[in-house]
Amino acid sequence: MVAEEEYGLDRSGEVWASTYAWLDCWSLCRGLDRLYNRIQGARLCIIGPNAVAPPGGCDAYAGPEPAAWLAASWGLRLSYITSDLDALQPIVSLIPYTADVAFIHVHSDNIYRVAGYRPMVDTIYTSQVCTPQNTLPLGGFTDGDRAVIIGLALGASEIALEGYGPPEASWYKSQASWKAGKLDVTFRIIRRVSAGLGYMVLEDGGGRIVIRSQS
């Protein structure tokens, strides 16, 4: 895994953290079914933290945590959102009002936020590794690349990323963010997973990226 190679991460933390996840097989299966029917073959637009306007020409929208705030301000409905619940609480509280499905990542330093979270929408817990609990092992490292991986796994024909480029915003974080140092890892993960699933990544260097199926 790219992040493990870069940071020497220990997988045991996520296995332990998964025991705090709310086990709901029905929500997981229903959420994935809803998304597959909406995303498969569609043009998916993913809203990153630096987006300044809603992207056009989209069949569906998704994004990491800050997309909840942006979608609310633009009047958009997200098909899904990815989060590990470390954004400012007003943003986390917007998730059920702006997204149909929430993907909540579990890891060793957010277990108490996960334990205190009570889902109000279909919720799917994710991890980087396989766990004995009811988590979806997506891989990925940040909410941003997980949002892309989900779109790839669901078979979108094209994924357009808006607002993913530097400088990485931290306006939505409840604590000091080191995400700027993780951007390179994020993009490496996106490129590696895209290539493995038969997608081509096109970048313009300004935060606008299009990932297109080659089939």
N, C-alpha and C. Protein backbone atom coordinates (compact mmCIF):
# COMPACT_ATOMS: atom_id res chain seq x y z
N MET A 1 0.84 -1.18 0.00
CA MET A 1 0.00 0.00 0.00
C MET A 1 0.88 1.24 0.00
N VAL A 2 0.50 2.25 -0.77
CA VAL A 2 1.33 3.45 -0.92
C VAL A 2 1.57 4.13 0.43
N ALA A 3 0.52 4.31 1.22
CA ALA A 3 0.65 5.01 2.50
C ALA A 3 1.54 4.23 3.47
N GLU A 4 1.44 2.92 3.45
CA GLU A 4 2.30 2.12 4.33
C GLU A 4 3.76 2.28 3.94
N GLU A 5 4.02 2.30 2.63
CA GLU A 5 5.39 2.48 2.16
C GLU A 5 5.93 3.84 2.58
N GLU A 6 5.08 4.86 2.55
CA GLU A 6 5.50 6.24 2.83
C GLU A 6 5.66 6.50 4.32
N TYR A 7 4.72 6.00 5.13
CA TYR A 7 4.67 6.36 6.54
C TYR A 7 4.92 5.20 7.50
N GLY A 8 5.07 3.98 6.97
CA GLY A 8 5.31 2.84 7.83
C GLY A 8 4.15 2.56 8.78
N LEU A 9 2.95 2.61 8.27
CA LEU A 9 1.76 2.46 9.09
C LEU A 9 1.60 1.02 9.60
N ASP A 10 1.05 0.91 10.79
CA ASP A 10 0.77 -0.38 11.41
C ASP A 10 -0.71 -0.71 11.20
N ARG A 11 -1.00 -1.86 10.60
CA ARG A 11 -2.37 -2.22 10.29
C ARG A 11 -3.20 -2.59 11.52
N SER A 12 -2.55 -2.94 12.62
CA SER A 12 -3.29 -3.44 13.77
C SER A 12 -4.23 -2.39 14.36
N GLY A 13 -3.90 -1.11 14.20
CA GLY A 13 -4.75 -0.05 14.74
C GLY A 13 -6.13 -0.05 14.12
N GLU A 14 -6.21 -0.29 12.82
CA GLU A 14 -7.52 -0.28 12.16
C GLU A 14 -8.33 -1.52 12.53
N VAL A 15 -7.67 -2.63 12.71
CA VAL A 15 -8.38 -3.83 13.13
C VAL A 15 -9.02 -3.60 14.50
N TRP A 16 -8.27 -3.02 15.41
CA TRP A 16 -8.79 -2.71 16.74
C TRP A 16 -9.92 -1.68 16.65
N ALA A 17 -9.71 -0.62 15.86
CA ALA A 17 -10.71 0.44 15.75
C ALA A 17 -12.01 -0.07 15.16
N SER A 18 -11.95 -1.09 14.32
CA SER A 18 -13.16 -1.57 13.66
C SER A 18 -14.17 -2.13 14.66
N THR A 19 -13.71 -2.49 15.86
CA THR A 19 -14.64 -3.03 16.85
C THR A 19 -15.58 -1.96 17.38
N TYR A 20 -15.28 -0.68 17.11
CA TYR A 20 -16.13 0.41 17.56
C TYR A 20 -17.17 0.78 16.52
N ALA A 21 -17.12 0.18 15.36
CA ALA A 21 -18.05 0.53 14.29
C ALA A 21 -19.44 -0.02 14.59
N TRP A 22 -20.44 0.73 14.18
CA TRP A 22 -21.84 0.33 14.32
C TRP A 22 -22.12 -0.72 13.27
N LEU A 23 -22.43 -1.94 13.68
CA LEU A 23 -22.62 -3.03 12.74
C LEU A 23 -24.04 -3.02 12.17
N ASP A 24 -24.17 -2.76 10.88
CA ASP A 24 -25.48 -2.70 10.25
C ASP A 24 -25.35 -3.20 8.82
N CYS A 25 -25.50 -4.51 8.64
CA CYS A 25 -25.34 -5.10 7.31
C CYS A 25 -26.37 -4.57 6.33
N TRP A 26 -27.58 -4.30 6.81
CA TRP A 26 -28.63 -3.82 5.92
C TRP A 26 -28.26 -2.46 5.34
N SER A 27 -27.76 -1.56 6.17
CA SER A 27 -27.36 -0.24 5.70
C SER A 27 -26.24 -0.34 4.68
N LEU A 28 -25.28 -1.23 4.94
CA LEU A 28 -24.16 -1.41 4.01
C LEU A 28 -24.66 -1.89 2.65
N CYS A 29 -25.47 -2.95 2.65
CA CYS A 29 -25.92 -3.53 1.38
C CYS A 29 -26.86 -2.59 0.64
N ARG A 30 -27.77 -1.94 1.36
CA ARG A 30 -28.71 -1.02 0.73
C ARG A 30 -27.97 0.19 0.16
N GLY A 31 -26.99 0.70 0.92
CA GLY A 31 -26.22 1.86 0.46
C GLY A 31 -25.44 1.55 -0.80
N LEU A 32 -24.77 0.40 -0.84
CA LEU A 32 -24.00 0.03 -2.02
C LEU A 32 -24.90 -0.20 -3.23
N ASP A 33 -26.08 -0.80 -3.00
CA ASP A 33 -27.00 -1.03 -4.10
C ASP A 33 -27.51 0.29 -4.68
N ARG A 34 -27.86 1.23 -3.82
CA ARG A 34 -28.33 2.54 -4.28
C ARG A 34 -27.26 3.24 -5.10
N LEU A 35 -26.04 3.19 -4.60
CA LEU A 35 -24.96 3.89 -5.28
C LEU A 35 -24.60 3.23 -6.60
N TYR A 36 -24.57 1.90 -6.62
CA TYR A 36 -24.23 1.21 -7.87
C TYR A 36 -25.22 1.57 -8.97
N ASN A 37 -26.50 1.58 -8.64
CA ASN A 37 -27.51 1.91 -9.64
C ASN A 37 -27.40 3.35 -10.13
N ARG A 38 -26.83 4.23 -9.29
CA ARG A 38 -26.71 5.64 -9.66
C ARG A 38 -25.39 5.96 -10.35
N ILE A 39 -24.30 5.30 -9.92
CA ILE A 39 -22.97 5.67 -10.37
C ILE A 39 -22.50 4.86 -11.58
N GLN A 40 -22.89 3.62 -11.68
CA GLN A 40 -22.38 2.75 -12.75
C GLN A 40 -22.69 3.37 -14.12
N GLY A 41 -21.64 3.61 -14.90
CA GLY A 41 -21.77 4.20 -16.23
C GLY A 41 -22.03 5.69 -16.25
N ALA A 42 -22.02 6.35 -15.10
CA ALA A 42 -22.34 7.78 -15.02
C ALA A 42 -21.07 8.63 -14.97
N ARG A 43 -21.25 9.93 -15.21
CA ARG A 43 -20.16 10.90 -15.02
C ARG A 43 -20.28 11.44 -13.61
N LEU A 44 -19.33 11.09 -12.78
CA LEU A 44 -19.33 11.45 -11.37
C LEU A 44 -18.41 12.63 -11.13
N CYS A 45 -18.91 13.66 -10.45
CA CYS A 45 -18.08 14.82 -10.10
C CYS A 45 -17.82 14.80 -8.60
N ILE A 46 -16.55 14.87 -8.24
CA ILE A 46 -16.15 14.83 -6.84
C ILE A 46 -15.64 16.21 -6.43
N ILE A 47 -16.23 16.74 -5.37
CA ILE A 47 -15.96 18.11 -4.94
C ILE A 47 -14.91 18.10 -3.85
N GLY A 48 -13.75 18.68 -4.14
CA GLY A 48 -12.67 18.78 -3.17
C GLY A 48 -12.76 20.05 -2.35
N PRO A 49 -11.91 20.20 -1.33
CA PRO A 49 -12.01 21.32 -0.38
C PRO A 49 -11.77 22.69 -1.00
N ASN A 50 -11.04 22.75 -2.12
CA ASN A 50 -10.71 24.04 -2.73
C ASN A 50 -11.66 24.43 -3.86
N ALA A 51 -12.72 23.67 -4.08
CA ALA A 51 -13.67 24.01 -5.15
C ALA A 51 -14.34 25.34 -4.84
N VAL A 52 -14.52 26.17 -5.87
CA VAL A 52 -15.12 27.49 -5.66
C VAL A 52 -16.48 27.61 -6.34
N ALA A 53 -16.84 26.63 -7.16
CA ALA A 53 -18.14 26.65 -7.83
C ALA A 53 -18.53 25.23 -8.15
N PRO A 54 -19.83 24.95 -8.27
CA PRO A 54 -20.24 23.59 -8.60
C PRO A 54 -19.79 23.19 -9.99
N PRO A 55 -19.18 22.02 -10.16
CA PRO A 55 -18.79 21.56 -11.50
C PRO A 55 -20.02 21.25 -12.33
N GLY A 56 -19.91 21.45 -13.64
CA GLY A 56 -21.04 21.20 -14.53
C GLY A 56 -20.94 19.87 -15.24
N GLY A 57 -22.02 19.47 -15.88
CA GLY A 57 -22.05 18.26 -16.68
C GLY A 57 -21.95 16.99 -15.87
N CYS A 58 -22.50 16.99 -14.65
CA CYS A 58 -22.37 15.84 -13.75
C CYS A 58 -23.68 15.06 -13.67
N ASP A 59 -23.58 13.74 -13.70
CA ASP A 59 -24.74 12.89 -13.45
C ASP A 59 -24.94 12.67 -11.96
N ALA A 60 -23.87 12.76 -11.19
CA ALA A 60 -23.93 12.56 -9.74
C ALA A 60 -22.76 13.30 -9.10
N TYR A 61 -22.92 13.62 -7.82
CA TYR A 61 -21.89 14.33 -7.06
C TYR A 61 -21.49 13.52 -5.83
N ALA A 62 -20.24 13.70 -5.40
CA ALA A 62 -19.75 13.08 -4.18
C ALA A 62 -18.57 13.91 -3.69
N GLY A 63 -18.00 13.52 -2.55
CA GLY A 63 -16.83 14.24 -2.08
C GLY A 63 -16.44 13.88 -0.67
N PRO A 64 -15.25 14.35 -0.25
CA PRO A 64 -14.82 14.19 1.14
C PRO A 64 -15.55 15.19 2.03
N GLU A 65 -15.22 15.18 3.32
CA GLU A 65 -15.95 15.94 4.34
C GLU A 65 -16.34 17.37 3.96
N PRO A 66 -15.40 18.21 3.48
CA PRO A 66 -15.78 19.60 3.22
C PRO A 66 -16.84 19.75 2.14
N ALA A 67 -17.05 18.70 1.34
CA ALA A 67 -18.09 18.77 0.32
C ALA A 67 -19.48 18.93 0.93
N ALA A 68 -19.65 18.51 2.18
CA ALA A 68 -20.95 18.68 2.84
C ALA A 68 -21.29 20.15 2.96
N TRP A 69 -20.31 20.94 3.38
CA TRP A 69 -20.53 22.38 3.52
C TRP A 69 -20.74 23.04 2.17
N LEU A 70 -19.89 22.68 1.20
CA LEU A 70 -19.99 23.28 -0.13
C LEU A 70 -21.30 22.91 -0.80
N ALA A 71 -21.69 21.64 -0.70
CA ALA A 71 -22.94 21.19 -1.31
C ALA A 71 -24.13 21.92 -0.70
N ALA A 72 -24.10 22.11 0.61
CA ALA A 72 -25.20 22.83 1.26
C ALA A 72 -25.29 24.27 0.77
N SER A 73 -24.14 24.91 0.59
CA SER A 73 -24.14 26.31 0.15
C SER A 73 -24.54 26.45 -1.31
N TRP A 74 -24.33 25.38 -2.10
CA TRP A 74 -24.68 25.42 -3.52
C TRP A 74 -26.03 24.79 -3.83
N GLY A 75 -26.65 24.18 -2.85
CA GLY A 75 -27.92 23.51 -3.08
C GLY A 75 -27.80 22.21 -3.85
N LEU A 76 -26.68 21.49 -3.66
CA LEU A 76 -26.45 20.21 -4.33
C LEU A 76 -26.74 19.05 -3.40
N ARG A 77 -27.16 17.94 -3.98
CA ARG A 77 -27.31 16.70 -3.21
C ARG A 77 -26.19 15.76 -3.62
N LEU A 78 -25.45 15.25 -2.64
CA LEU A 78 -24.35 14.33 -2.89
C LEU A 78 -24.85 12.90 -2.85
N SER A 79 -24.36 12.07 -3.76
CA SER A 79 -24.70 10.65 -3.69
C SER A 79 -24.02 10.01 -2.49
N TYR A 80 -22.77 10.42 -2.22
CA TYR A 80 -22.08 9.91 -1.03
C TYR A 80 -21.03 10.90 -0.57
N ILE A 81 -20.64 10.72 0.67
CA ILE A 81 -19.58 11.53 1.23
C ILE A 81 -18.64 10.62 2.01
N THR A 82 -17.36 10.94 2.03
CA THR A 82 -16.38 10.17 2.79
C THR A 82 -15.90 11.02 3.96
N SER A 83 -15.76 10.38 5.13
CA SER A 83 -15.41 11.15 6.32
C SER A 83 -14.73 10.25 7.33
N ASP A 84 -13.88 10.84 8.16
CA ASP A 84 -13.44 10.14 9.36
C ASP A 84 -13.80 10.95 10.60
N LEU A 85 -14.77 11.88 10.40
CA LEU A 85 -15.42 12.61 11.50
C LEU A 85 -14.49 13.58 12.20
N ASP A 86 -13.40 14.03 11.53
CA ASP A 86 -12.50 14.97 12.18
C ASP A 86 -12.70 16.40 11.70
N ALA A 87 -13.71 16.63 10.86
CA ALA A 87 -14.02 18.00 10.44
C ALA A 87 -14.72 18.74 11.57
N LEU A 88 -14.86 20.06 11.40
CA LEU A 88 -15.61 20.83 12.37
C LEU A 88 -17.01 20.25 12.54
N GLN A 89 -17.51 20.22 13.76
CA GLN A 89 -18.79 19.58 14.04
C GLN A 89 -19.94 20.11 13.19
N PRO A 90 -20.03 21.42 12.92
CA PRO A 90 -21.11 21.89 12.04
C PRO A 90 -21.09 21.25 10.66
N ILE A 91 -19.89 20.90 10.17
CA ILE A 91 -19.78 20.24 8.87
C ILE A 91 -20.20 18.79 8.98
N VAL A 92 -19.73 18.09 10.01
CA VAL A 92 -20.13 16.70 10.22
C VAL A 92 -21.65 16.60 10.35
N SER A 93 -22.26 17.56 11.02
CA SER A 93 -23.70 17.51 11.25
C SER A 93 -24.49 17.72 9.96
N LEU A 94 -23.85 18.23 8.92
CA LEU A 94 -24.53 18.44 7.63
C LEU A 94 -24.60 17.16 6.79
N ILE A 95 -23.82 16.14 7.14
CA ILE A 95 -23.73 14.94 6.29
C ILE A 95 -25.11 14.34 5.98
N PRO A 96 -25.97 14.10 6.96
CA PRO A 96 -27.26 13.47 6.62
C PRO A 96 -28.17 14.36 5.79
N TYR A 97 -27.90 15.67 5.76
CA TYR A 97 -28.76 16.59 5.02
C TYR A 97 -28.25 16.87 3.61
N THR A 98 -27.02 16.42 3.34
CA THR A 98 -26.44 16.72 2.02
C THR A 98 -26.03 15.47 1.25
N ALA A 99 -26.02 14.29 1.88
CA ALA A 99 -25.57 13.07 1.22
C ALA A 99 -26.53 11.92 1.46
N ASP A 100 -26.63 11.03 0.49
CA ASP A 100 -27.50 9.86 0.61
C ASP A 100 -26.83 8.71 1.35
N VAL A 101 -25.51 8.60 1.20
CA VAL A 101 -24.75 7.53 1.86
C VAL A 101 -23.48 8.13 2.45
N ALA A 102 -23.14 7.74 3.67
CA ALA A 102 -21.91 8.20 4.32
C ALA A 102 -20.94 7.03 4.46
N PHE A 103 -19.72 7.23 3.99
CA PHE A 103 -18.64 6.26 4.19
C PHE A 103 -17.77 6.79 5.32
N ILE A 104 -17.78 6.13 6.47
CA ILE A 104 -17.04 6.58 7.64
C ILE A 104 -15.83 5.68 7.83
N HIS A 105 -14.64 6.27 7.79
CA HIS A 105 -13.42 5.49 7.91
C HIS A 105 -13.05 5.32 9.38
N VAL A 106 -12.63 4.12 9.75
CA VAL A 106 -12.22 3.86 11.12
C VAL A 106 -10.71 3.65 11.17
N HIS A 107 -10.08 4.29 12.13
CA HIS A 107 -8.65 4.08 12.36
C HIS A 107 -8.35 4.37 13.82
N SER A 108 -7.13 4.14 14.23
CA SER A 108 -6.82 4.09 15.67
C SER A 108 -6.98 5.42 16.39
N ASP A 109 -6.94 6.56 15.68
CA ASP A 109 -7.05 7.83 16.39
C ASP A 109 -8.41 8.51 16.23
N ASN A 110 -9.42 7.77 15.75
CA ASN A 110 -10.76 8.38 15.73
C ASN A 110 -11.82 7.46 16.33
N ILE A 111 -11.39 6.48 17.12
CA ILE A 111 -12.34 5.48 17.61
C ILE A 111 -13.43 6.08 18.50
N TYR A 112 -13.11 7.14 19.25
CA TYR A 112 -14.13 7.71 20.13
C TYR A 112 -15.13 8.54 19.35
N ARG A 113 -14.69 9.16 18.26
CA ARG A 113 -15.65 9.85 17.39
C ARG A 113 -16.56 8.82 16.72
N VAL A 114 -15.97 7.70 16.28
CA VAL A 114 -16.77 6.65 15.65
C VAL A 114 -17.77 6.06 16.64
N ALA A 115 -17.32 5.82 17.87
CA ALA A 115 -18.18 5.22 18.88
C ALA A 115 -19.36 6.13 19.21
N GLY A 116 -19.14 7.45 19.13
CA GLY A 116 -20.20 8.39 19.46
C GLY A 116 -21.08 8.79 18.29
N TYR A 117 -20.75 8.32 17.10
CA TYR A 117 -21.50 8.69 15.89
C TYR A 117 -22.75 7.84 15.77
N ARG A 118 -23.89 8.46 15.56
CA ARG A 118 -25.14 7.75 15.35
C ARG A 118 -25.67 8.07 13.96
N PRO A 119 -25.62 7.09 13.07
CA PRO A 119 -25.96 7.34 11.67
C PRO A 119 -27.41 7.80 11.49
N MET A 120 -27.59 8.79 10.62
CA MET A 120 -28.91 9.27 10.23
C MET A 120 -29.18 9.00 8.75
N VAL A 121 -28.18 8.46 8.05
CA VAL A 121 -28.33 8.04 6.66
C VAL A 121 -27.67 6.67 6.53
N ASP A 122 -27.87 6.02 5.38
CA ASP A 122 -27.16 4.76 5.15
C ASP A 122 -25.68 4.99 5.34
N THR A 123 -25.07 4.19 6.21
CA THR A 123 -23.68 4.39 6.59
C THR A 123 -22.88 3.12 6.36
N ILE A 124 -21.72 3.29 5.74
CA ILE A 124 -20.82 2.18 5.46
C ILE A 124 -19.47 2.51 6.09
N TYR A 125 -19.00 1.66 6.97
CA TYR A 125 -17.71 1.87 7.62
C TYR A 125 -16.61 1.27 6.76
N THR A 126 -15.53 2.01 6.61
CA THR A 126 -14.44 1.58 5.73
C THR A 126 -13.14 1.47 6.52
N SER A 127 -12.21 0.71 5.94
CA SER A 127 -10.89 0.55 6.53
C SER A 127 -9.89 0.38 5.39
N GLN A 128 -8.62 0.51 5.72
CA GLN A 128 -7.58 0.26 4.72
C GLN A 128 -7.26 -1.22 4.60
N VAL A 129 -7.67 -1.98 5.60
CA VAL A 129 -7.32 -3.40 5.66
C VAL A 129 -8.58 -4.22 5.95
N CYS A 130 -8.51 -5.52 5.70
CA CYS A 130 -9.61 -6.41 6.07
C CYS A 130 -9.66 -6.54 7.58
N THR A 131 -10.86 -6.45 8.15
CA THR A 131 -11.02 -6.55 9.59
C THR A 131 -12.08 -7.61 9.90
N PRO A 132 -12.13 -8.11 11.13
CA PRO A 132 -13.16 -9.09 11.49
C PRO A 132 -14.53 -8.45 11.68
N GLN A 133 -14.59 -7.12 11.70
CA GLN A 133 -15.86 -6.43 11.88
C GLN A 133 -16.45 -6.05 10.52
N ASN A 134 -17.59 -5.39 10.56
CA ASN A 134 -18.34 -5.09 9.34
C ASN A 134 -17.83 -3.80 8.70
N THR A 135 -16.60 -3.82 8.22
CA THR A 135 -16.04 -2.68 7.50
C THR A 135 -15.74 -3.07 6.06
N LEU A 136 -15.79 -2.09 5.18
CA LEU A 136 -15.49 -2.30 3.77
C LEU A 136 -14.03 -1.93 3.54
N PRO A 137 -13.17 -2.90 3.19
CA PRO A 137 -11.74 -2.61 3.03
C PRO A 137 -11.44 -1.93 1.70
N LEU A 138 -11.58 -0.61 1.68
CA LEU A 138 -11.40 0.16 0.44
C LEU A 138 -9.94 0.43 0.12
N GLY A 139 -9.08 0.35 1.12
CA GLY A 139 -7.73 0.87 0.91
C GLY A 139 -7.80 2.38 1.01
N GLY A 140 -6.96 3.07 0.29
CA GLY A 140 -6.96 4.53 0.36
C GLY A 140 -6.30 5.03 1.63
N PHE A 141 -6.15 6.35 1.71
CA PHE A 141 -5.42 6.94 2.83
C PHE A 141 -6.13 8.17 3.38
N THR A 142 -6.74 8.96 2.51
CA THR A 142 -7.46 10.16 2.93
C THR A 142 -8.90 10.07 2.45
N ASP A 143 -9.74 10.94 3.00
CA ASP A 143 -11.12 11.00 2.52
C ASP A 143 -11.17 11.30 1.03
N GLY A 144 -10.20 12.08 0.55
CA GLY A 144 -10.19 12.45 -0.86
C GLY A 144 -9.96 11.29 -1.80
N ASP A 145 -8.92 10.49 -1.55
CA ASP A 145 -8.69 9.37 -2.48
C ASP A 145 -9.71 8.26 -2.27
N ARG A 146 -10.26 8.13 -1.05
CA ARG A 146 -11.33 7.15 -0.86
C ARG A 146 -12.57 7.50 -1.67
N ALA A 147 -12.88 8.80 -1.77
CA ALA A 147 -14.03 9.22 -2.58
C ALA A 147 -13.83 8.81 -4.03
N VAL A 148 -12.61 8.91 -4.52
CA VAL A 148 -12.32 8.52 -5.91
C VAL A 148 -12.39 7.00 -6.05
N ILE A 149 -11.80 6.26 -5.13
CA ILE A 149 -11.80 4.80 -5.20
C ILE A 149 -13.22 4.25 -5.23
N ILE A 150 -14.11 4.84 -4.45
CA ILE A 150 -15.50 4.39 -4.45
C ILE A 150 -16.11 4.56 -5.83
N GLY A 151 -15.90 5.71 -6.46
CA GLY A 151 -16.42 5.95 -7.80
C GLY A 151 -15.87 4.97 -8.81
N LEU A 152 -14.59 4.66 -8.70
CA LEU A 152 -13.97 3.68 -9.60
C LEU A 152 -14.57 2.30 -9.38
N ALA A 153 -14.71 1.91 -8.11
CA ALA A 153 -15.24 0.58 -7.79
C ALA A 153 -16.69 0.42 -8.24
N LEU A 154 -17.44 1.53 -8.26
CA LEU A 154 -18.84 1.48 -8.67
C LEU A 154 -19.02 1.59 -10.18
N GLY A 155 -17.93 1.74 -10.91
CA GLY A 155 -17.99 1.69 -12.36
C GLY A 155 -18.41 2.96 -13.06
N ALA A 156 -18.08 4.12 -12.49
CA ALA A 156 -18.36 5.38 -13.19
C ALA A 156 -17.64 5.40 -14.52
N SER A 157 -18.27 5.96 -15.53
CA SER A 157 -17.61 6.05 -16.84
C SER A 157 -16.52 7.12 -16.83
N GLU A 158 -16.73 8.15 -16.02
CA GLU A 158 -15.76 9.24 -15.91
C GLU A 158 -15.90 9.88 -14.54
N ILE A 159 -14.78 10.25 -13.97
CA ILE A 159 -14.79 10.93 -12.67
C ILE A 159 -14.03 12.25 -12.83
N ALA A 160 -14.71 13.35 -12.53
CA ALA A 160 -14.09 14.67 -12.61
C ALA A 160 -13.86 15.18 -11.19
N LEU A 161 -12.62 15.56 -10.89
CA LEU A 161 -12.26 16.08 -9.59
C LEU A 161 -12.12 17.59 -9.67
N GLU A 162 -12.78 18.28 -8.78
CA GLU A 162 -12.71 19.75 -8.73
C GLU A 162 -12.27 20.19 -7.36
N GLY A 163 -11.19 20.99 -7.29
CA GLY A 163 -10.74 21.51 -6.01
C GLY A 163 -9.87 20.58 -5.21
N TYR A 164 -9.13 19.70 -5.89
CA TYR A 164 -8.23 18.77 -5.20
C TYR A 164 -6.79 19.26 -5.17
N GLY A 165 -6.49 20.32 -5.88
CA GLY A 165 -5.09 20.73 -6.00
C GLY A 165 -4.60 21.56 -4.84
N PRO A 166 -3.30 21.83 -4.78
CA PRO A 166 -2.72 22.66 -3.73
C PRO A 166 -3.12 24.13 -3.95
N PRO A 167 -3.11 24.99 -2.94
CA PRO A 167 -2.77 24.57 -1.57
C PRO A 167 -3.94 23.85 -0.91
N GLU A 168 -3.62 22.77 -0.21
CA GLU A 168 -4.66 22.01 0.46
C GLU A 168 -5.31 22.85 1.56
N ALA A 169 -6.63 22.97 1.49
CA ALA A 169 -7.34 23.77 2.49
C ALA A 169 -7.47 23.02 3.81
N SER A 170 -7.43 23.73 4.91
CA SER A 170 -7.68 23.11 6.22
C SER A 170 -8.75 23.88 6.97
N TRP A 171 -9.53 24.67 6.26
CA TRP A 171 -10.56 25.49 6.90
C TRP A 171 -11.64 24.64 7.59
N TYR A 172 -11.77 23.39 7.18
CA TYR A 172 -12.84 22.54 7.69
C TYR A 172 -12.38 21.63 8.82
N LYS A 173 -11.12 21.76 9.25
CA LYS A 173 -10.58 20.86 10.27
C LYS A 173 -10.78 21.44 11.66
N SER A 174 -11.04 20.55 12.60
CA SER A 174 -11.20 20.97 13.99
C SER A 174 -9.86 21.02 14.72
N GLN A 175 -8.79 20.63 14.04
CA GLN A 175 -7.47 20.68 14.63
C GLN A 175 -6.46 20.96 13.53
N ALA A 176 -5.22 21.25 13.92
CA ALA A 176 -4.19 21.54 12.92
C ALA A 176 -4.08 20.39 11.93
N SER A 177 -4.04 20.72 10.64
CA SER A 177 -4.03 19.69 9.60
C SER A 177 -2.63 19.51 9.02
N TRP A 178 -2.28 18.26 8.79
CA TRP A 178 -1.03 17.98 8.08
C TRP A 178 -1.33 17.41 6.70
N LYS A 179 -2.53 17.68 6.20
CA LYS A 179 -2.95 17.12 4.93
C LYS A 179 -2.11 17.62 3.76
N ALA A 180 -1.54 18.81 3.86
CA ALA A 180 -0.74 19.31 2.76
C ALA A 180 0.39 18.34 2.42
N GLY A 181 0.97 17.72 3.44
CA GLY A 181 2.03 16.76 3.22
C GLY A 181 1.55 15.43 2.71
N LYS A 182 0.23 15.22 2.67
CA LYS A 182 -0.32 13.94 2.23
C LYS A 182 -0.84 14.01 0.79
N LEU A 183 -0.84 15.20 0.18
CA LEU A 183 -1.39 15.34 -1.16
C LEU A 183 -0.69 14.44 -2.17
N ASP A 184 0.63 14.39 -2.10
CA ASP A 184 1.37 13.57 -3.07
C ASP A 184 0.98 12.11 -2.94
N VAL A 185 0.85 11.62 -1.70
CA VAL A 185 0.44 10.23 -1.47
C VAL A 185 -0.96 10.01 -2.02
N THR A 186 -1.84 10.98 -1.79
CA THR A 186 -3.21 10.89 -2.30
C THR A 186 -3.24 10.69 -3.80
N PHE A 187 -2.50 11.52 -4.52
CA PHE A 187 -2.50 11.43 -5.98
C PHE A 187 -1.84 10.15 -6.47
N ARG A 188 -0.82 9.68 -5.76
CA ARG A 188 -0.18 8.41 -6.15
C ARG A 188 -1.16 7.25 -5.99
N ILE A 189 -1.95 7.28 -4.93
CA ILE A 189 -2.96 6.23 -4.73
C ILE A 189 -3.99 6.29 -5.84
N ILE A 190 -4.47 7.48 -6.16
CA ILE A 190 -5.47 7.64 -7.22
C ILE A 190 -4.95 7.10 -8.54
N ARG A 191 -3.70 7.45 -8.87
CA ARG A 191 -3.14 6.98 -10.15
C ARG A 191 -2.97 5.46 -10.16
N ARG A 192 -2.53 4.90 -9.03
CA ARG A 192 -2.28 3.46 -9.00
C ARG A 192 -3.59 2.67 -9.10
N VAL A 193 -4.60 3.08 -8.31
CA VAL A 193 -5.87 2.37 -8.35
C VAL A 193 -6.56 2.55 -9.70
N SER A 194 -6.50 3.75 -10.25
CA SER A 194 -7.11 4.00 -11.56
C SER A 194 -6.51 3.09 -12.63
N ALA A 195 -5.19 3.01 -12.67
CA ALA A 195 -4.54 2.16 -13.67
C ALA A 195 -4.92 0.70 -13.48
N GLY A 196 -5.00 0.26 -12.23
CA GLY A 196 -5.34 -1.13 -11.96
C GLY A 196 -6.75 -1.49 -12.36
N LEU A 197 -7.65 -0.50 -12.40
CA LEU A 197 -9.05 -0.75 -12.75
C LEU A 197 -9.37 -0.34 -14.19
N GLY A 198 -8.34 -0.01 -14.96
CA GLY A 198 -8.56 0.29 -16.37
C GLY A 198 -9.02 1.71 -16.66
N TYR A 199 -8.59 2.66 -15.84
CA TYR A 199 -8.92 4.07 -16.05
C TYR A 199 -7.66 4.86 -16.40
N MET A 200 -7.85 5.96 -17.12
CA MET A 200 -6.76 6.85 -17.49
C MET A 200 -6.94 8.16 -16.74
N VAL A 201 -5.85 8.67 -16.14
CA VAL A 201 -5.90 9.90 -15.36
C VAL A 201 -5.34 11.05 -16.19
N LEU A 202 -6.14 12.11 -16.34
CA LEU A 202 -5.75 13.31 -17.07
C LEU A 202 -5.72 14.47 -16.09
N GLU A 203 -4.58 15.17 -15.98
CA GLU A 203 -4.43 16.27 -15.04
C GLU A 203 -4.05 17.55 -15.78
N ASP A 204 -4.54 18.69 -15.25
CA ASP A 204 -4.12 19.97 -15.82
C ASP A 204 -3.23 20.76 -14.86
N GLY A 205 -2.93 20.18 -13.70
CA GLY A 205 -2.03 20.83 -12.75
C GLY A 205 -2.69 21.88 -11.88
N GLY A 206 -3.95 22.20 -12.11
CA GLY A 206 -4.63 23.23 -11.35
C GLY A 206 -5.71 22.69 -10.44
N GLY A 207 -5.65 21.42 -10.12
CA GLY A 207 -6.67 20.84 -9.26
C GLY A 207 -7.82 20.23 -10.01
N ARG A 208 -7.81 20.34 -11.34
CA ARG A 208 -8.86 19.73 -12.16
C ARG A 208 -8.31 18.46 -12.79
N ILE A 209 -8.91 17.35 -12.43
CA ILE A 209 -8.45 16.05 -12.87
C ILE A 209 -9.66 15.28 -13.41
N VAL A 210 -9.46 14.61 -14.52
CA VAL A 210 -10.50 13.76 -15.08
C VAL A 210 -9.96 12.34 -15.16
N ILE A 211 -10.72 11.39 -14.66
CA ILE A 211 -10.34 9.98 -14.71
C ILE A 211 -11.37 9.29 -15.61
N ARG A 212 -10.88 8.73 -16.68
CA ARG A 212 -11.80 8.22 -17.72
C ARG A 212 -11.59 6.72 -17.94
N SER A 213 -12.69 6.00 -18.01
CA SER A 213 -12.61 4.57 -18.29
C SER A 213 -12.07 4.33 -19.69
N GLN A 214 -11.19 3.34 -19.81
CA GLN A 214 -10.62 3.01 -21.12
C GLN A 214 -11.35 1.87 -21.80
N SER A 215 -12.43 1.36 -21.17
CA SER A 215 -13.17 0.25 -21.77
C SER A 215 -14.33 0.77 -22.62
